[in-house]
Amino acid sequence: MKSNFDNQFDKKAFTIDEWCRMWGCGRNTAYNEIAKGHLETIKIGRCRRITREQNERYRKLKEGQAA
């Protein structure tokens, strides 16, 4: 049986809170990264979601900055 943590990786898009838990950061950091244009999101109604593809682009951006 999969845990809740494993199940969130099966999702196609994450909420801001889920994304923050994956990255170990707070909501302010997430919204700051969105405002800077580093993290892309989609809006569904009034809710923001971060797709797997957007998460992957963000990961590559951060890896490039660390190198």
Protein backbone atom coordinates (compact mmCIF):
# COMPACT_ATOMS: atom_id res chain seq x y z
CA MET A 1 0.00 0.00 0.00
CA LYS A 2 1.31 3.44 -0.94
CA SER A 3 1.69 6.20 1.60
CA ASN A 4 0.29 9.70 1.09
CA PHE A 5 3.83 10.88 0.31
CA ASP A 6 4.16 8.30 -2.50
CA ASN A 7 0.71 9.15 -3.85
CA GLN A 8 1.56 12.81 -4.31
CA PHE A 9 4.26 11.88 -6.83
CA ASP A 10 1.59 10.17 -8.94
CA LYS A 11 -0.25 13.47 -9.36
CA LYS A 12 -0.03 15.54 -12.54
CA ALA A 13 -0.14 18.83 -10.65
CA PHE A 14 0.62 19.87 -7.08
CA THR A 15 -0.91 22.50 -4.84
CA ILE A 16 1.40 25.17 -3.46
CA ASP A 17 1.37 23.43 -0.06
CA GLU A 18 2.23 20.03 -1.58
CA TRP A 19 5.03 21.57 -3.62
CA CYS A 20 6.40 23.31 -0.52
CA ARG A 21 6.47 20.01 1.39
CA MET A 22 8.35 18.34 -1.49
CA TRP A 23 10.93 21.13 -1.60
CA GLY A 24 11.10 21.76 2.14
CA CYS A 25 10.28 25.45 1.83
CA GLY A 26 7.52 27.76 2.94
CA ARG A 27 4.64 29.32 1.05
CA ASN A 28 6.35 32.74 1.04
CA THR A 29 9.33 31.24 -0.77
CA ALA A 30 7.05 29.60 -3.33
CA TYR A 31 5.13 32.79 -4.04
CA ASN A 32 8.39 34.77 -4.23
CA GLU A 33 9.74 32.31 -6.81
CA ILE A 34 6.49 32.67 -8.78
CA ALA A 35 6.71 36.48 -8.63
CA LYS A 36 10.33 36.40 -9.87
CA GLY A 37 9.27 34.21 -12.78
CA HIS A 38 11.44 31.29 -11.65
CA LEU A 39 8.51 29.00 -10.90
CA GLU A 40 5.67 28.67 -13.39
CA THR A 41 2.14 27.77 -12.33
CA ILE A 42 -1.26 27.23 -13.86
CA LYS A 43 -4.51 28.54 -12.45
CA ILE A 44 -7.60 26.38 -12.18
CA GLY A 45 -10.35 28.68 -11.05
CA ARG A 46 -8.86 30.52 -8.08
CA CYS A 47 -6.35 27.76 -7.29
CA ARG A 48 -2.73 27.64 -8.39
CA ARG A 49 -1.18 24.35 -9.40
CA ILE A 50 2.38 23.39 -10.34
CA THR A 51 2.56 20.65 -12.95
CA ARG A 52 5.24 17.98 -12.98
CA GLU A 53 6.77 19.63 -16.03
CA GLN A 54 6.89 23.03 -14.31
CA ASN A 55 8.46 21.40 -11.26
CA GLU A 56 11.08 19.74 -13.45
CA ARG A 57 11.94 23.05 -15.18
CA TYR A 58 12.32 24.68 -11.76
CA ARG A 59 14.59 21.85 -10.59
CA LYS A 60 16.81 22.26 -13.65
CA LEU A 61 16.93 26.02 -13.13
CA LYS A 62 18.06 25.58 -9.53
CA GLU A 63 20.62 22.95 -10.48
CA GLY A 64 22.03 25.33 -13.09
CA GLN A 65 22.29 28.11 -10.53
CA ALA A 66 24.10 25.81 -8.09
CA ALA A 67 26.69 24.74 -10.67
